[in-house]
């Protein structure tokens, strides 16, 4: 039964890769012992690549507001996405062309809902903002912090809950 599910999952992944012309190592595959993690993204054919990130699953400790961290807790989670632009089938004809790398955060949720998402601060930095076809990687850094809740209802709504969001990487000529 388990091998059937694995086979179906692999076929779906292959179909997605072939259909879109893009490939990404999804954030769910990241592991580490710190709150600073790196994830590799390859954008192909100038298509957008979107991945869903579960911040809580990426941390070595529970994310808490600034100045509140104790043992086993962190005040911020920093995720680094080295992004490359790889045009499949270009045979090197357009290597060296430059474009703008545009990144956006969407669909922020805490515990699967949008009720308390105003407490999750997701900031994105791209340096540099231009990207070269088959050139060097461009680092996209996402920093996630929490705002201090003002009452016990808000605290209960965010404490220890999964924080998820989508990040979209787009190469724009």
Protein backbone atom coordinates (compact mmCIF):
# COMPACT_ATOMS: atom_id res chain seq x y z
CA UNK A 1 0.00 0.00 0.00
CA UNK A 2 2.82 2.36 0.94
CA UNK A 3 4.69 1.68 -2.32
CA UNK A 4 1.53 2.43 -4.36
CA UNK A 5 1.22 5.84 -2.69
CA UNK A 6 4.90 6.50 -3.27
CA UNK A 7 4.58 5.50 -6.94
CA UNK A 8 1.57 7.75 -7.44
CA UNK A 9 3.35 10.63 -5.70
CA UNK A 10 6.42 10.22 -7.90
CA UNK A 11 4.29 10.15 -11.05
CA UNK A 12 2.51 13.35 -9.99
CA UNK A 13 5.85 15.06 -9.30
CA UNK A 14 7.17 13.98 -12.70
CA UNK A 15 4.01 15.22 -14.44
CA UNK A 16 4.27 18.58 -12.69
CA UNK A 17 7.93 18.96 -13.61
CA UNK A 18 7.43 18.07 -17.27
CA UNK A 19 4.29 20.20 -17.63
CA UNK A 20 5.62 23.43 -16.17
CA UNK A 21 9.24 23.23 -17.27
CA UNK A 22 10.32 24.19 -13.76
CA UNK A 23 11.75 22.32 -10.84
CA UNK A 24 12.05 23.21 -7.19
CA UNK A 25 13.27 21.49 -4.09
CA UNK A 26 10.26 22.12 -1.88
CA UNK A 27 10.67 23.74 1.50
CA UNK A 28 9.18 20.74 3.26
CA UNK A 29 12.42 18.93 2.47
CA UNK A 30 14.54 21.35 4.48
CA UNK A 31 15.97 20.11 7.73
CA UNK A 32 18.37 21.56 10.22
CA UNK A 33 19.08 22.40 13.83
CA UNK A 34 18.85 26.17 13.68
CA UNK A 35 16.36 28.85 12.79
CA UNK A 36 18.47 29.87 9.75
CA UNK A 37 17.80 27.48 6.89
CA UNK A 38 18.65 27.41 3.18
CA UNK A 39 16.43 26.19 0.36
CA UNK A 40 17.40 25.99 -3.36
CA UNK A 41 14.97 27.13 -6.08
CA UNK A 42 15.48 26.90 -9.85
CA UNK A 43 13.20 28.93 -12.10
CA UNK A 44 13.03 27.70 -15.68
CA UNK A 45 11.53 29.11 -18.84
CA UNK A 46 10.81 32.37 -17.01
CA UNK A 47 7.87 30.68 -15.29
CA UNK A 48 6.74 31.39 -11.76
CA UNK A 49 7.64 28.84 -9.10
CA UNK A 50 5.49 28.78 -5.98
CA UNK A 51 6.27 26.79 -2.89
CA UNK A 52 4.50 26.52 0.44
CA UNK A 53 6.63 26.98 3.54
CA UNK A 54 5.69 25.71 6.98
CA UNK A 55 7.77 27.94 9.26
CA UNK A 56 7.03 25.94 12.39
CA UNK A 57 8.33 22.74 10.80
CA UNK A 58 11.57 24.52 9.83
CA UNK A 59 12.59 25.73 13.28
CA UNK A 60 14.68 24.03 15.91
CA UNK A 61 12.53 25.74 18.53
CA UNK A 62 9.21 27.48 18.99
CA UNK A 63 8.92 30.94 17.37
CA UNK A 64 8.06 33.64 19.94
CA UNK A 65 7.87 37.46 19.86
CA UNK A 66 11.07 39.52 20.31
CA UNK A 67 12.56 39.52 23.83
CA UNK A 68 10.41 36.50 24.84
CA UNK A 69 12.74 33.64 23.86
CA UNK A 70 13.88 31.15 26.47
CA UNK A 71 15.51 27.74 26.05
CA UNK A 72 14.06 25.97 23.02
CA UNK A 73 12.59 29.14 21.52
CA UNK A 74 13.64 31.54 18.75
CA UNK A 75 12.68 35.17 18.08
CA UNK A 76 12.98 34.96 14.31
CA UNK A 77 13.27 32.38 11.57
CA UNK A 78 15.49 33.25 8.61
CA UNK A 79 15.02 31.20 5.45
CA UNK A 80 17.42 31.68 2.53
CA UNK A 81 16.38 30.66 -0.98
CA UNK A 82 19.27 30.71 -3.50
CA UNK A 83 17.47 31.18 -6.84
CA UNK A 84 18.87 30.37 -10.27
CA UNK A 85 17.38 30.94 -13.70
CA UNK A 86 17.81 27.97 -16.03
CA UNK A 87 16.22 27.97 -19.49
CA UNK A 88 15.69 24.39 -20.60
CA UNK A 89 16.53 23.75 -24.25
CA UNK A 90 18.11 27.15 -24.97
CA UNK A 91 21.41 25.46 -25.94
CA UNK A 92 23.26 28.43 -24.44
CA UNK A 93 21.84 30.84 -27.03
CA UNK A 94 20.55 33.28 -24.44
CA UNK A 95 23.04 32.65 -21.63
CA UNK A 96 23.95 35.91 -19.96
CA UNK A 97 20.59 37.60 -20.58
CA UNK A 98 19.34 39.42 -17.51
CA UNK A 99 15.87 39.88 -16.08
CA UNK A 100 14.26 40.99 -12.83
CA UNK A 101 13.59 38.47 -10.08
CA UNK A 102 10.25 39.30 -8.47
CA UNK A 103 9.21 37.51 -5.28
CA UNK A 104 5.98 37.68 -3.36
CA UNK A 105 4.51 36.27 -0.18
CA UNK A 106 0.85 35.23 -0.07
CA UNK A 107 -1.58 32.99 1.74
CA UNK A 108 -0.14 33.58 5.23
CA UNK A 109 -1.96 31.43 7.79
CA UNK A 110 -1.59 30.50 11.44
CA UNK A 111 -2.95 27.07 12.28
CA UNK A 112 -4.56 26.91 8.83
CA UNK A 113 -6.64 30.08 9.32
CA UNK A 114 -6.26 33.79 8.58
CA UNK A 115 -7.78 34.98 11.88
CA UNK A 116 -4.48 35.90 13.53
CA UNK A 117 -2.18 36.34 10.53
CA UNK A 118 -1.57 39.99 11.45
CA UNK A 119 0.74 38.63 14.19
CA UNK A 120 2.96 36.82 11.66
CA UNK A 121 5.47 39.22 10.10
CA UNK A 122 6.93 37.81 6.89
CA UNK A 123 9.56 40.05 5.29
CA UNK A 124 11.29 39.28 2.01
CA UNK A 125 14.60 40.65 0.74
CA UNK A 126 16.14 39.98 -2.68
CA UNK A 127 19.77 40.90 -3.34
CA UNK A 128 20.36 41.69 -6.14
CA UNK A 129 16.98 42.01 -7.83
CA UNK A 130 18.38 41.20 -11.28
CA UNK A 131 19.06 37.62 -12.30
CA UNK A 132 21.17 36.23 -15.15
CA UNK A 133 20.19 33.27 -17.31
CA UNK A 134 22.46 30.34 -16.40
CA UNK A 135 24.37 32.75 -14.16
CA UNK A 136 25.02 33.11 -10.46
CA UNK A 137 22.41 32.49 -7.82
CA UNK A 138 20.43 35.34 -6.31
CA UNK A 139 19.65 35.03 -2.61
CA UNK A 140 16.09 35.63 -1.49
CA UNK A 141 15.94 35.93 2.29
CA UNK A 142 12.66 35.57 4.17
CA UNK A 143 12.55 36.58 7.83
CA UNK A 144 9.58 35.57 9.95
CA UNK A 145 8.84 37.14 13.34
CA UNK A 146 5.82 37.34 15.63
CA UNK A 147 4.11 40.39 17.07
CA UNK A 148 3.32 40.25 20.79
CA UNK A 149 -0.37 39.42 21.40
CA UNK A 150 -2.27 41.84 23.62
CA UNK A 151 -4.63 39.39 25.31
CA UNK A 152 -5.03 35.72 26.18
CA UNK A 153 -7.38 35.02 23.25
CA UNK A 154 -4.78 36.23 20.75
CA UNK A 155 -2.05 34.36 22.61
CA UNK A 156 -4.02 31.12 22.46
CA UNK A 157 -4.65 31.73 18.74
CA UNK A 158 -0.94 31.86 17.86
CA UNK A 159 1.09 30.13 20.59
CA UNK A 160 2.75 26.99 19.26
CA UNK A 161 0.66 27.00 16.06
CA UNK A 162 1.90 26.26 12.54
CA UNK A 163 2.69 29.34 10.47
CA UNK A 164 2.50 28.74 6.73
CA UNK A 165 2.78 30.92 3.64
CA UNK A 166 3.34 30.68 -0.10
CA UNK A 167 6.34 32.30 -1.76
CA UNK A 168 6.35 32.85 -5.51
CA UNK A 169 9.56 33.39 -7.49
CA UNK A 170 9.08 34.97 -10.93
CA UNK A 171 11.61 36.00 -13.57
CA UNK A 172 10.32 39.06 -15.45
CA UNK A 173 12.11 40.19 -18.64
